[in-house]
Amino acid sequence: MEFMEKYNQWLADDYFDEETKKELKDISGDEKEIQERFYKELEFGTGGLRGIIGAGTNRMNKYSVRKATQGLANYILLEDAEKNKEKGVVIAYDSRRCSKEFAFEAAMVLNGNGIKTYVFEELAPTPELSFAVRHLGCAAGIVITASHNPKEYNGYKVYGSDGAQVPPPYDEEIIDEVQKITDFRQVKIMDNDAAREAGLLEIIGEAVHDAYIKEVKAQSINGDVVKKVADDFTIVYTPLHGTGNKPVMRVLKEIGFKNVIIVPEQQNPDPEFSTVSYPNPEDPKAFSLAIKLAKEHNADIIIGTDPDADRVGVLVRDEKGEYNVLTGNMTGVLLTEYLLSAKKAKGTLPKNGALIKTIVTTEMVRAVAKEYDVTLLEVLTGFKFIGEKIKEFEQTGEHEYLFGFEESYGYLAGTYARDKDAVVAAMLACELAAVYKDKGMTLYEGLQALYEKYGYYKEGLESITLKGIEGLEKIQSIMTALRNDPPKEFAGLQVLELRDYEEQMAKNLITNQEAKIHLPKSNVLYFVLENNAWFCVRPSGTEPKVKFYFGVKGKDEEDAKAILSNLKEDVMEKVKQI
């Protein structure tokens, strides 16, 4: 068995340290665990690495980090090696187990290849890494994070010189370089102390933090209103044990908020995420402590950022005094309307303005774009595609970027960064709530007003977790069945069009006409249904899941809820039968 051969190789090879070997010896009697750890290499995918921390080829460890970094170094040195060595790479890390260790392992490899590195002195948000790449003029960036994954995971994301995650085809070129590393002894290393002495390793901190915060604050629109209501406005904030604490608290204070209460149990970095089962602001259970605190202080808004502070969750108080979790789509539409209406009122809304959303994000934003006569562009799931569009706008001048978001709680206002930024989104959500308070309204009432204006759109997400080798095969069989033999209707709603992003074709199922999809290939299927309904299915790129996204529009809220519920139920039942 090949996996047993690899396992025994790791035990016998003196390249691997004793701690690694002890961990492997401890699982010697568990063949299934050995298989899971060694049946494949941890793939360096389009976003980098992400996996369970541990010893083995299919795990996140210092050896997988070294290999990935050597591949990245080789890629960086392919073109204008001397210039890119000098420009260097900036590295950030979050609060997860081994994050700091992995950051300095990556630095050792880059330094070993003669490439300068800038490493943050303490944990920093992913969007600040995106900013820092641009601010320092680096050739690339690395952030060690597994975002909102469970505590067992860590990851490694690569950013290009524009500050965005590397898009196609450059991601594939990096992957090719990583795959060429067939022996860990091909990896070049320079000790951190030697690298410092050689001027190849620089620790960065306050100057970069200050520059980043200045850019975030520049996105504030109504600072005067914030100061006006500040005495009577209360925010409860949780960083969920991650990197958001310092930047979010700082930016809220500096734009004028006075009463910001942090959830004390979740204030400090904690790799165990000991107060939550899942450190994800998409999970309402992550906010139980924040809701308790908010009720004690009669807070106007609750905000929570994920461990690497690129996603933000928002809770608002309804007419009964209960706190409601806003979906990523709700928050996105509220912020879109706020930014566009404020720019229009100030006369700064550009004629060539553009919004960007992912294909699985709410169609409600299409109605908002139409209202303000701005262009709406769609990209594949993944914020790197939004970052790529911002770069394209700068190069062509065709559009001016206004705002971009995805349904999974990721937003970006401004172009100082090229990834979703929970710090700026938290600031704008609190500012918008303050603006509504000044009008005698809550943010919840503001959302209801938007539904009245644009229609009752509702979205949902379901996912099936399928772990291991068998799970991967099942996910593939689901996609194959839906692609090759799709049902004609779901929940009584006729399928009008099937968009296959893998084949890059959209087929009208009424006329049988086909049209080319001008987006990169991706294993995604999108079903357009009658009555403004749709659903989309895609395997997760970072977790052993297949995800199902749903969107509907109803006559009122109850109608939309009923249509959504029926659609979800029928789709999931049909999938279960595959």
Protein backbone atom coordinates (compact mmCIF):
# COMPACT_ATOMS: atom_id res chain seq x y z
CA MET A 1 0.00 0.00 0.00
CA GLU A 2 1.48 3.29 -1.17
CA PHE A 3 0.32 5.29 1.86
CA MET A 4 2.08 2.86 4.21
CA GLU A 5 5.28 3.21 2.18
CA LYS A 6 5.15 6.99 2.55
CA TYR A 7 4.41 6.67 6.26
CA ASN A 8 7.44 4.44 6.75
CA GLN A 9 9.59 6.76 4.66
CA TRP A 10 8.79 9.67 6.99
CA LEU A 11 9.68 7.52 10.01
CA ALA A 12 13.01 6.46 8.49
CA ASP A 13 14.14 9.75 6.92
CA ASP A 14 16.44 11.87 9.10
CA TYR A 15 15.11 15.04 7.39
CA PHE A 16 12.04 14.91 9.64
CA ASP A 17 12.44 15.96 13.26
CA GLU A 18 11.83 13.74 16.27
CA GLU A 19 8.62 15.51 17.27
CA THR A 20 7.13 14.67 13.86
CA LYS A 21 8.25 11.05 14.13
CA LYS A 22 6.80 10.70 17.63
CA GLU A 23 3.42 11.94 16.37
CA LEU A 24 3.55 9.36 13.57
CA LYS A 25 4.62 6.52 15.87
CA ASP A 26 1.63 7.32 18.11
CA ILE A 27 -0.77 6.41 15.25
CA SER A 28 1.11 3.23 14.20
CA GLY A 29 -1.87 0.99 15.04
CA ASP A 30 -4.48 3.09 13.23
CA GLU A 31 -4.33 2.22 9.54
CA LYS A 32 -7.28 4.46 8.60
CA GLU A 33 -5.62 7.48 10.23
CA ILE A 34 -2.33 6.69 8.46
CA GLN A 35 -4.21 6.44 5.16
CA GLU A 36 -5.95 9.80 5.70
CA ARG A 37 -2.59 11.45 6.42
CA PHE A 38 -0.64 9.87 3.55
CA TYR A 39 -3.04 8.86 0.75
CA LYS A 40 -2.24 12.10 -1.10
CA GLU A 41 -0.23 15.31 -0.91
CA LEU A 42 -1.93 18.29 0.70
CA GLU A 43 -2.82 20.08 -2.50
CA PHE A 44 -1.52 23.55 -3.20
CA GLY A 45 -4.74 24.77 -4.76
CA THR A 46 -5.76 28.04 -6.36
CA GLY A 47 -5.93 29.76 -2.96
CA GLY A 48 -2.86 28.06 -1.50
CA LEU A 49 -2.91 25.40 1.21
CA ARG A 50 -5.54 24.55 3.79
CA GLY A 51 -5.69 21.44 5.93
CA ILE A 52 -5.68 19.82 9.34
CA ILE A 53 -2.51 20.53 11.32
CA GLY A 54 -0.38 17.42 11.83
CA ALA A 55 2.38 15.19 10.50
CA GLY A 56 1.95 13.61 7.06
CA THR A 57 1.79 14.50 3.38
CA ASN A 58 -1.93 15.37 3.59
CA ARG A 59 -1.55 17.69 6.58
CA MET A 60 -0.52 21.27 7.34
CA ASN A 61 2.95 21.21 8.89
CA LYS A 62 6.25 23.03 8.56
CA TYR A 63 7.32 20.67 5.77
CA SER A 64 4.25 21.35 3.62
CA VAL A 65 4.76 25.09 4.27
CA ARG A 66 8.42 24.84 3.23
CA LYS A 67 7.57 22.97 0.04
CA ALA A 68 4.83 25.47 -0.90
CA THR A 69 7.15 28.38 -0.23
CA GLN A 70 9.98 26.93 -2.33
CA GLY A 71 7.53 26.61 -5.22
CA LEU A 72 6.43 30.22 -4.70
CA ALA A 73 10.09 31.35 -4.52
CA ASN A 74 10.84 29.58 -7.80
CA TYR A 75 7.84 31.30 -9.40
CA ILE A 76 8.87 34.75 -8.08
CA LEU A 77 12.39 34.27 -9.46
CA LEU A 78 11.22 33.19 -12.93
CA GLU A 79 10.86 36.80 -14.08
CA ASP A 80 13.30 39.58 -13.16
CA ALA A 81 14.82 37.64 -10.26
CA GLU A 82 17.04 40.40 -8.91
CA LYS A 83 14.26 42.99 -8.86
CA ASN A 84 11.83 40.59 -7.17
CA LYS A 85 14.43 39.53 -4.59
CA GLU A 86 14.72 43.18 -3.60
CA LYS A 87 10.95 43.87 -3.67
CA GLY A 88 10.44 40.90 -1.40
CA VAL A 89 7.45 39.20 0.18
CA VAL A 90 5.37 40.35 3.16
CA ILE A 91 4.07 37.67 5.56
CA ALA A 92 1.21 37.91 8.07
CA TYR A 93 -0.33 35.34 10.40
CA ASP A 94 -3.43 34.89 12.55
CA SER A 95 -4.13 33.47 16.02
CA ARG A 96 -4.25 29.79 15.04
CA ARG A 97 -2.03 27.03 16.31
CA CYS A 98 1.36 27.09 14.55
CA SER A 99 0.57 30.29 12.60
CA LYS A 100 3.58 32.25 13.81
CA GLU A 101 5.85 29.21 13.40
CA PHE A 102 4.64 28.67 9.82
CA ALA A 103 5.14 32.39 9.04
CA PHE A 104 8.80 32.23 10.03
CA GLU A 105 9.26 28.87 8.25
CA ALA A 106 8.04 30.59 5.07
CA ALA A 107 10.46 33.47 5.71
CA MET A 108 13.36 31.01 6.14
CA VAL A 109 12.70 29.49 2.71
CA LEU A 110 12.29 32.83 0.94
CA ASN A 111 15.44 34.15 2.61
CA GLY A 112 17.24 30.95 1.63
CA ASN A 113 16.42 31.86 -1.95
CA GLY A 114 17.79 35.40 -1.50
CA ILE A 115 14.31 36.98 -1.35
CA LYS A 116 13.74 39.72 1.23
CA THR A 117 10.85 39.21 3.68
CA TYR A 118 8.77 41.52 5.85
CA VAL A 119 7.07 39.69 8.72
CA PHE A 120 4.48 41.32 11.00
CA GLU A 121 5.63 41.59 14.61
CA GLU A 122 2.25 40.29 15.82
CA LEU A 123 -0.85 38.73 14.36
CA ALA A 124 -2.55 40.87 11.72
CA PRO A 125 -5.77 40.69 9.66
CA THR A 126 -5.72 39.23 6.18
CA PRO A 127 -6.92 42.52 4.60
CA GLU A 128 -3.98 44.34 6.22
CA LEU A 129 -1.65 41.84 4.54
CA SER A 130 -3.36 42.66 1.22
CA PHE A 131 -2.81 46.36 1.93
CA ALA A 132 0.80 45.81 3.04
CA VAL A 133 1.76 44.09 -0.24
CA ARG A 134 0.77 47.26 -2.08
CA HIS A 135 2.05 49.68 0.57
CA LEU A 136 5.52 48.10 0.68
CA GLY A 137 5.67 47.46 -3.07
CA CYS A 138 6.28 43.73 -2.64
CA ALA A 139 6.40 41.05 -5.30
CA ALA A 140 3.98 38.86 -3.33
CA GLY A 141 2.37 38.27 0.05
CA ILE A 142 1.63 35.27 2.25
CA VAL A 143 -0.88 35.00 5.08
CA ILE A 144 -0.95 32.02 7.41
CA THR A 145 -4.62 31.48 8.23
CA ALA A 146 -7.47 29.03 7.85
CA SER A 147 -9.95 31.89 8.08
CA HIS A 148 -13.11 30.60 9.82
CA ASN A 149 -12.35 26.86 9.60
CA PRO A 150 -12.46 24.72 12.79
CA LYS A 151 -9.52 24.95 15.22
CA GLU A 152 -7.85 21.79 13.83
CA TYR A 153 -7.06 23.61 10.58
CA ASN A 154 -4.49 26.06 9.34
CA GLY A 155 -3.72 27.41 5.90
CA TYR A 156 -1.44 29.38 3.62
CA LYS A 157 -2.72 31.96 1.14
CA VAL A 158 -0.67 33.64 -1.59
CA TYR A 159 -1.16 37.21 -2.82
CA GLY A 160 0.19 38.82 -5.97
CA SER A 161 1.95 42.17 -6.30
CA ASP A 162 -1.43 43.92 -6.68
CA GLY A 163 -2.48 42.74 -3.20
CA ALA A 164 -5.12 40.29 -4.46
CA GLN A 165 -5.10 36.53 -4.14
CA VAL A 166 -3.48 35.15 -7.25
CA PRO A 167 -6.06 34.65 -10.06
CA PRO A 168 -5.92 32.31 -13.10
CA PRO A 169 -3.70 31.55 -14.93
CA TYR A 170 -0.97 32.67 -12.52
CA ASP A 171 -2.31 30.44 -9.72
CA GLU A 172 -1.80 27.40 -11.96
CA GLU A 173 1.74 28.52 -12.75
CA ILE A 174 2.55 28.67 -9.01
CA ILE A 175 0.91 25.26 -8.52
CA ASP A 176 3.15 23.87 -11.29
CA GLU A 177 6.25 25.17 -9.51
CA VAL A 178 5.12 23.67 -6.18
CA GLN A 179 4.49 20.29 -7.83
CA LYS A 180 8.04 20.29 -9.21
CA ILE A 181 9.36 20.02 -5.62
CA THR A 182 9.53 16.24 -5.31
CA ASP A 183 12.05 16.09 -2.46
CA PHE A 184 12.06 18.24 0.69
CA ARG A 185 15.83 18.52 0.30
CA GLN A 186 15.24 20.73 -2.73
CA VAL A 187 14.03 23.40 -0.31
CA LYS A 188 16.58 26.15 0.45
CA ILE A 189 16.63 27.54 3.99
CA MET A 190 18.34 30.41 5.81
CA ASP A 191 18.14 30.65 9.60
CA ASN A 192 16.04 33.62 10.80
CA ASP A 193 18.92 35.17 12.78
CA ALA A 194 21.29 34.91 9.80
CA ALA A 195 18.63 36.42 7.56
CA ARG A 196 18.22 39.41 9.89
CA GLU A 197 21.97 39.99 9.90
CA ALA A 198 22.01 39.81 6.10
CA GLY A 199 19.17 42.34 5.89
CA LEU A 200 16.81 39.79 4.34
CA LEU A 201 14.32 39.58 7.23
CA GLU A 202 12.61 42.73 8.48
CA ILE A 203 10.00 42.82 11.25
CA ILE A 204 7.23 45.35 10.58
CA GLY A 205 4.58 46.88 12.81
CA GLU A 206 3.24 50.30 13.78
CA ALA A 207 4.05 52.24 10.60
CA VAL A 208 2.14 49.73 8.47
CA HIS A 209 -0.74 49.54 11.00
CA ASP A 210 -1.05 53.35 10.96
CA ALA A 211 -1.07 53.54 7.17
CA TYR A 212 -3.70 50.79 6.94
CA ILE A 213 -6.01 52.39 9.53
CA LYS A 214 -5.74 55.74 7.73
CA GLU A 215 -6.99 54.11 4.51
CA VAL A 216 -9.85 52.35 6.29
CA LYS A 217 -10.99 55.59 7.94
CA ALA A 218 -10.89 57.34 4.55
CA GLN A 219 -13.90 55.19 3.54
CA SER A 220 -16.07 56.77 6.27
CA ILE A 221 -18.83 58.92 4.78
CA ASN A 222 -20.76 60.44 7.69
CA GLY A 223 -18.31 60.99 10.52
CA ASP A 224 -20.30 64.06 11.59
CA VAL A 225 -23.40 61.91 12.20
CA VAL A 226 -21.32 59.39 14.18
CA LYS A 227 -20.12 62.15 16.51
CA LYS A 228 -23.66 63.55 16.77
CA VAL A 229 -25.19 60.30 18.10
CA ALA A 230 -22.08 58.88 19.81
CA ASP A 231 -23.18 59.56 23.40
CA ASP A 232 -26.35 57.54 22.91
CA PHE A 233 -25.08 54.78 20.61
CA THR A 234 -23.73 51.44 21.82
CA ILE A 235 -21.84 48.77 19.89
CA VAL A 236 -21.05 45.25 21.12
CA TYR A 237 -18.10 43.69 19.32
CA THR A 238 -16.50 40.25 19.33
CA PRO A 239 -13.26 39.37 17.51
CA LEU A 240 -14.00 35.65 18.12
CA HIS A 241 -10.49 35.13 19.55
CA GLY A 242 -8.89 36.38 16.34
CA THR A 243 -6.98 39.27 14.78
CA GLY A 244 -9.76 41.89 14.63
CA ASN A 245 -9.58 43.27 18.17
CA LYS A 246 -6.93 45.97 17.80
CA PRO A 247 -7.78 47.33 14.32
CA VAL A 248 -11.59 47.26 14.74
CA MET A 249 -11.54 48.86 18.21
CA ARG A 250 -9.07 51.47 17.01
CA VAL A 251 -10.95 52.48 13.87
CA LEU A 252 -14.33 52.70 15.66
CA LYS A 253 -12.82 54.91 18.35
CA GLU A 254 -10.97 57.13 15.88
CA ILE A 255 -14.05 57.88 13.74
CA GLY A 256 -15.95 58.96 16.85
CA PHE A 257 -17.77 56.05 18.51
CA LYS A 258 -17.57 56.28 22.30
CA ASN A 259 -19.46 53.24 23.60
CA VAL A 260 -17.87 50.13 22.11
CA ILE A 261 -18.08 47.12 24.40
CA ILE A 262 -15.94 44.11 23.55
CA VAL A 263 -17.03 40.60 24.57
CA PRO A 264 -14.41 39.93 27.30
CA GLU A 265 -14.38 36.11 26.96
CA GLN A 266 -13.59 36.42 23.22
CA GLN A 267 -11.31 39.44 23.33
CA ASN A 268 -7.90 37.74 23.34
CA PRO A 269 -6.34 35.50 20.68
CA ASP A 270 -7.03 31.84 21.43
CA PRO A 271 -6.05 29.05 19.01
CA GLU A 272 -8.55 26.73 20.73
CA PHE A 273 -11.46 29.14 20.07
CA SER A 274 -12.61 27.94 23.47
CA THR A 275 -15.97 29.78 23.63
CA VAL A 276 -17.29 28.70 20.23
CA SER A 277 -17.64 25.38 18.44
CA TYR A 278 -16.94 27.07 15.10
CA PRO A 279 -15.29 30.54 14.86
CA ASN A 280 -17.47 31.73 12.01
CA PRO A 281 -19.64 34.88 12.00
CA GLU A 282 -21.94 33.05 9.58
CA ASP A 283 -22.91 30.78 12.50
CA PRO A 284 -25.49 32.46 14.80
CA LYS A 285 -24.25 30.34 17.75
CA ALA A 286 -20.94 32.23 17.63
CA PHE A 287 -22.83 35.30 18.89
CA SER A 288 -24.46 33.86 22.04
CA LEU A 289 -22.11 35.73 24.42
CA ALA A 290 -22.37 38.92 22.36
CA ILE A 291 -26.19 38.82 22.42
CA LYS A 292 -26.21 38.37 26.20
CA LEU A 293 -23.91 41.38 26.58
CA ALA A 294 -25.90 43.46 24.10
CA LYS A 295 -29.13 42.86 26.00
CA GLU A 296 -27.47 43.98 29.22
CA HIS A 297 -26.36 47.24 27.60
CA ASN A 298 -29.30 47.76 25.22
CA ALA A 299 -26.82 47.85 22.32
CA ASP A 300 -27.80 49.28 18.94
CA ILE A 301 -25.72 46.82 16.93
CA ILE A 302 -23.57 43.72 17.37
CA ILE A 303 -20.61 43.03 15.10
CA GLY A 304 -18.27 40.05 15.01
CA THR A 305 -15.20 39.35 12.91
CA ASP A 306 -13.76 35.95 12.03
CA PRO A 307 -10.25 34.86 13.12
CA ASP A 308 -8.38 36.59 10.28
CA ALA A 309 -10.80 39.56 10.19
CA ASP A 310 -11.78 39.38 6.55
CA ARG A 311 -15.44 38.50 7.23
CA VAL A 312 -17.89 40.35 9.46
CA GLY A 313 -21.25 39.33 10.90
CA VAL A 314 -23.87 41.91 11.92
CA LEU A 315 -26.81 41.57 14.31
CA VAL A 316 -29.53 44.21 14.60
CA ARG A 317 -32.35 44.76 17.07
CA ASP A 318 -35.93 44.35 15.85
CA GLU A 319 -39.14 45.96 17.12
CA LYS A 320 -39.41 43.31 19.88
CA GLY A 321 -35.92 44.09 21.15
CA GLU A 322 -34.51 40.79 19.88
CA TYR A 323 -31.22 40.66 17.98
CA ASN A 324 -31.48 39.32 14.43
CA VAL A 325 -28.52 37.93 12.51
CA LEU A 326 -28.22 39.61 9.12
CA THR A 327 -27.18 37.32 6.29
CA GLY A 328 -24.15 38.33 4.26
CA ASN A 329 -26.54 39.32 1.48
CA MET A 330 -28.59 41.58 3.76
CA THR A 331 -25.51 43.38 5.05
CA GLY A 332 -24.16 43.68 1.51
CA VAL A 333 -27.36 45.25 0.18
CA LEU A 334 -27.56 47.67 3.14
CA LEU A 335 -23.96 48.79 2.61
CA THR A 336 -24.42 49.05 -1.17
CA GLU A 337 -27.50 51.26 -0.79
CA TYR A 338 -25.71 53.36 1.85
CA LEU A 339 -22.59 53.98 -0.22
CA LEU A 340 -24.48 54.74 -3.44
CA SER A 341 -27.11 56.98 -1.84
CA ALA A 342 -24.48 58.91 0.12
CA LYS A 343 -22.32 59.43 -2.98
CA LYS A 344 -25.37 60.52 -4.98
CA ALA A 345 -26.39 62.99 -2.26
CA LYS A 346 -22.88 64.46 -2.20
CA GLY A 347 -22.64 64.56 -6.00
CA THR A 348 -19.67 62.16 -6.06
CA LEU A 349 -21.32 59.16 -7.73
CA PRO A 350 -19.24 58.59 -10.90
CA LYS A 351 -20.92 58.05 -14.26
CA ASN A 352 -18.82 54.93 -14.89
CA GLY A 353 -19.25 53.47 -11.39
CA ALA A 354 -19.40 49.70 -10.98
CA LEU A 355 -20.45 47.23 -8.33
CA ILE A 356 -19.11 43.67 -8.29
CA LYS A 357 -20.79 40.60 -6.85
CA THR A 358 -20.15 36.89 -7.07
CA ILE A 359 -22.52 34.63 -9.03
CA VAL A 360 -24.05 33.21 -5.81
CA THR A 361 -24.68 36.62 -4.22
CA THR A 362 -28.20 38.10 -3.98
CA GLU A 363 -29.96 39.36 -7.09
CA MET A 364 -31.39 42.18 -4.94
CA VAL A 365 -28.22 44.16 -5.56
CA ARG A 366 -29.09 44.14 -9.26
CA ALA A 367 -32.17 46.20 -8.44
CA VAL A 368 -30.06 48.61 -6.36
CA ALA A 369 -27.57 49.04 -9.22
CA LYS A 370 -30.43 49.82 -11.60
CA GLU A 371 -31.87 52.40 -9.19
CA TYR A 372 -28.57 54.33 -9.12
CA ASP A 373 -27.70 53.67 -12.78
CA VAL A 374 -24.40 51.94 -12.05
CA THR A 375 -22.96 48.86 -13.73
CA LEU A 376 -23.17 45.52 -11.94
CA LEU A 377 -20.58 42.89 -12.83
CA GLU A 378 -20.56 39.23 -11.79
CA VAL A 379 -17.52 37.10 -11.02
CA LEU A 380 -16.93 33.56 -9.79
CA THR A 381 -17.03 32.78 -6.08
CA GLY A 382 -13.86 33.99 -4.40
CA PHE A 383 -12.86 37.55 -3.60
CA LYS A 384 -9.73 37.28 -5.74
CA PHE A 385 -11.97 37.68 -8.78
CA ILE A 386 -13.31 40.96 -7.37
CA GLY A 387 -9.70 42.04 -6.76
CA GLU A 388 -8.86 41.13 -10.34
CA LYS A 389 -11.68 43.37 -11.63
CA ILE A 390 -10.41 46.33 -9.55
CA LYS A 391 -6.99 45.89 -11.17
CA GLU A 392 -8.64 45.72 -14.59
CA PHE A 393 -10.54 48.97 -13.92
CA GLU A 394 -7.30 50.72 -13.00
CA GLN A 395 -5.63 49.53 -16.17
CA THR A 396 -8.48 50.29 -18.60
CA GLY A 397 -10.30 53.18 -16.91
CA GLU A 398 -13.56 51.61 -18.09
CA HIS A 399 -15.15 51.68 -14.65
CA GLU A 400 -14.59 53.18 -11.23
CA TYR A 401 -14.90 50.64 -8.42
CA LEU A 402 -17.63 51.50 -5.92
CA PHE A 403 -18.15 48.38 -3.79
CA GLY A 404 -17.84 44.63 -3.98
CA PHE A 405 -19.19 41.83 -1.86
CA GLU A 406 -19.95 38.14 -1.65
CA GLU A 407 -22.72 36.41 0.26
CA SER A 408 -20.26 34.75 2.64
CA TYR A 409 -19.86 37.95 4.70
CA GLY A 410 -17.02 39.49 2.67
CA TYR A 411 -17.04 43.20 1.66
CA LEU A 412 -14.62 45.82 0.39
CA ALA A 413 -15.08 49.58 0.08
CA GLY A 414 -12.07 51.41 -1.34
CA THR A 415 -9.15 50.06 -3.35
CA TYR A 416 -6.38 50.25 -0.72
CA ALA A 417 -6.71 46.45 -0.32
CA ARG A 418 -7.71 43.77 -2.80
CA ASP A 419 -9.39 41.32 -0.46
CA LYS A 420 -12.50 41.44 1.66
CA ASP A 421 -12.02 43.56 4.78
CA ALA A 422 -14.02 43.07 7.97
CA VAL A 423 -12.43 46.16 9.52
CA VAL A 424 -13.83 48.60 6.95
CA ALA A 425 -17.13 46.67 6.75
CA ALA A 426 -17.53 46.77 10.56
CA MET A 427 -16.87 50.51 10.53
CA LEU A 428 -19.40 51.17 7.75
CA ALA A 429 -22.08 48.91 9.30
CA CYS A 430 -21.80 50.79 12.61
CA GLU A 431 -21.78 54.13 10.79
CA LEU A 432 -24.91 53.17 8.84
CA ALA A 433 -26.65 52.12 12.06
CA ALA A 434 -25.72 55.53 13.50
CA VAL A 435 -27.16 57.27 10.42
CA TYR A 436 -30.44 55.38 10.85
CA LYS A 437 -30.46 56.20 14.59
CA ASP A 438 -30.16 59.88 13.70
CA LYS A 439 -33.32 59.40 11.58
CA GLY A 440 -35.10 57.71 14.50
CA MET A 441 -34.81 54.25 12.91
CA THR A 442 -32.99 51.02 13.66
CA LEU A 443 -30.85 49.21 11.11
CA TYR A 444 -33.50 46.48 11.11
CA GLU A 445 -36.14 49.04 10.08
CA GLY A 446 -33.75 50.28 7.41
CA LEU A 447 -33.55 46.79 5.95
CA GLN A 448 -37.35 46.46 5.90
CA ALA A 449 -37.52 49.77 4.03
CA LEU A 450 -35.20 48.35 1.38
CA TYR A 451 -37.42 45.29 0.96
CA GLU A 452 -40.39 47.62 0.47
CA LYS A 453 -38.39 49.57 -2.12
CA TYR A 454 -36.82 46.72 -4.10
CA GLY A 455 -38.86 43.61 -3.36
CA TYR A 456 -38.66 40.69 -0.93
CA TYR A 457 -35.56 38.75 -1.88
CA LYS A 458 -34.50 35.80 0.27
CA GLU A 459 -31.42 33.62 -0.01
CA GLY A 460 -30.29 30.42 1.65
CA LEU A 461 -27.37 28.05 1.85
CA GLU A 462 -27.29 24.32 2.48
CA SER A 463 -24.21 22.13 2.49
CA ILE A 464 -23.43 18.44 2.69
CA THR A 465 -20.17 17.47 4.41
CA LEU A 466 -18.56 14.41 2.83
CA LYS A 467 -15.16 13.65 4.34
CA GLY A 468 -12.30 11.50 3.13
CA ILE A 469 -11.84 9.51 -0.05
CA GLU A 470 -15.42 8.22 -0.21
CA GLY A 471 -16.71 11.76 0.33
CA LEU A 472 -14.72 13.10 -2.59
CA GLU A 473 -16.17 10.42 -4.88
CA LYS A 474 -19.71 11.19 -3.71
CA ILE A 475 -19.26 14.92 -4.39
CA GLN A 476 -18.09 14.09 -7.91
CA SER A 477 -21.10 11.82 -8.51
CA ILE A 478 -23.52 14.57 -7.40
CA MET A 479 -21.96 17.09 -9.81
CA THR A 480 -21.92 14.57 -12.69
CA ALA A 481 -25.60 13.65 -12.21
CA LEU A 482 -26.79 17.27 -12.04
CA ARG A 483 -24.63 18.20 -15.03
CA ASN A 484 -25.55 15.31 -17.33
CA ASP A 485 -29.15 14.59 -16.33
CA PRO A 486 -30.65 17.66 -14.62
CA PRO A 487 -34.30 17.63 -13.47
CA LYS A 488 -36.68 19.78 -15.52
CA GLU A 489 -38.15 21.48 -12.44
CA PHE A 490 -37.59 22.03 -8.73
CA ALA A 491 -40.41 22.69 -6.26
CA GLY A 492 -42.78 23.26 -9.18
CA LEU A 493 -40.49 25.90 -10.70
CA GLN A 494 -39.41 25.18 -14.27
CA VAL A 495 -35.68 25.25 -15.05
CA LEU A 496 -35.23 27.96 -17.71
CA GLU A 497 -31.46 27.90 -18.06
CA LEU A 498 -28.49 25.84 -16.91
CA ARG A 499 -25.14 27.61 -16.62
CA ASP A 500 -22.21 25.21 -16.54
CA TYR A 501 -19.10 27.15 -15.53
CA GLU A 502 -16.88 24.10 -16.05
CA GLU A 503 -17.96 23.93 -19.69
CA GLN A 504 -18.26 27.77 -19.82
CA MET A 505 -21.66 27.43 -21.49
CA ALA A 506 -25.16 28.61 -20.64
CA LYS A 507 -27.99 26.59 -22.18
CA ASN A 508 -31.53 27.93 -22.51
CA LEU A 509 -33.64 24.83 -21.81
CA ILE A 510 -36.71 26.32 -23.51
CA THR A 511 -35.09 27.21 -26.85
CA ASN A 512 -32.00 24.94 -26.58
CA GLN A 513 -29.84 27.93 -27.52
CA GLU A 514 -26.35 28.05 -26.03
CA ALA A 515 -24.20 31.03 -25.08
CA LYS A 516 -20.56 31.28 -24.02
CA ILE A 517 -19.80 32.23 -20.40
CA HIS A 518 -16.82 34.58 -20.27
CA LEU A 519 -15.50 33.59 -16.87
CA PRO A 520 -12.71 31.16 -15.89
CA LYS A 521 -13.54 27.46 -15.75
CA SER A 522 -14.96 26.33 -12.42
CA ASN A 523 -16.86 23.23 -11.29
CA VAL A 524 -20.10 25.13 -10.69
CA LEU A 525 -23.67 24.60 -11.91
CA TYR A 526 -26.24 27.41 -11.80
CA PHE A 527 -29.96 26.74 -12.40
CA VAL A 528 -32.11 29.71 -13.45
CA LEU A 529 -35.73 28.99 -12.50
CA GLU A 530 -38.96 30.78 -13.29
CA ASN A 531 -40.37 33.54 -11.04
CA ASN A 532 -36.94 35.06 -10.24
CA ALA A 533 -35.73 31.94 -8.42
CA TRP A 534 -32.36 30.22 -8.80
CA PHE A 535 -30.02 27.79 -7.15
CA CYS A 536 -26.36 27.01 -7.58
CA VAL A 537 -24.20 24.03 -6.59
CA ARG A 538 -20.43 23.98 -6.13
CA PRO A 539 -17.93 21.87 -4.22
CA SER A 540 -16.08 23.94 -1.60
CA GLY A 541 -12.49 24.72 -2.49
CA THR A 542 -11.34 24.66 1.13
CA GLU A 543 -13.55 22.14 2.97
CA PRO A 544 -14.89 18.60 2.28
CA LYS A 545 -18.31 19.99 1.38
CA VAL A 546 -20.64 20.50 -1.53
CA LYS A 547 -22.55 23.78 -1.20
CA PHE A 548 -26.03 24.66 -2.46
CA TYR A 549 -26.98 28.34 -2.79
CA PHE A 550 -30.58 29.48 -3.24
CA GLY A 551 -32.29 32.73 -4.12
CA VAL A 552 -35.96 33.69 -4.55
CA LYS A 553 -38.20 36.75 -4.70
CA GLY A 554 -41.66 36.83 -3.13
CA LYS A 555 -44.69 39.11 -2.88
CA ASP A 556 -43.87 39.73 0.78
CA GLU A 557 -41.56 38.31 3.43
CA GLU A 558 -43.73 35.28 4.27
CA ASP A 559 -44.21 34.44 0.61
CA ALA A 560 -40.46 34.62 -0.04
CA LYS A 561 -39.75 32.41 3.00
CA ALA A 562 -42.24 29.79 1.82
CA ILE A 563 -40.85 29.69 -1.74
CA LEU A 564 -37.29 29.42 -0.40
CA SER A 565 -38.20 26.64 2.03
CA ASN A 566 -39.94 24.59 -0.66
CA LEU A 567 -37.07 25.05 -3.11
CA LYS A 568 -34.43 24.02 -0.58
CA GLU A 569 -36.40 20.95 0.48
CA ASP A 570 -36.97 19.71 -3.07
CA VAL A 571 -33.40 20.28 -4.25
CA MET A 572 -31.88 18.53 -1.24
CA GLU A 573 -34.31 15.60 -1.58
CA LYS A 574 -33.43 15.17 -5.26
CA VAL A 575 -29.71 15.31 -4.43
CA LYS A 576 -30.14 12.71 -1.69
CA GLN A 577 -31.53 10.31 -4.29
CA ILE A 578 -28.41 10.56 -6.48
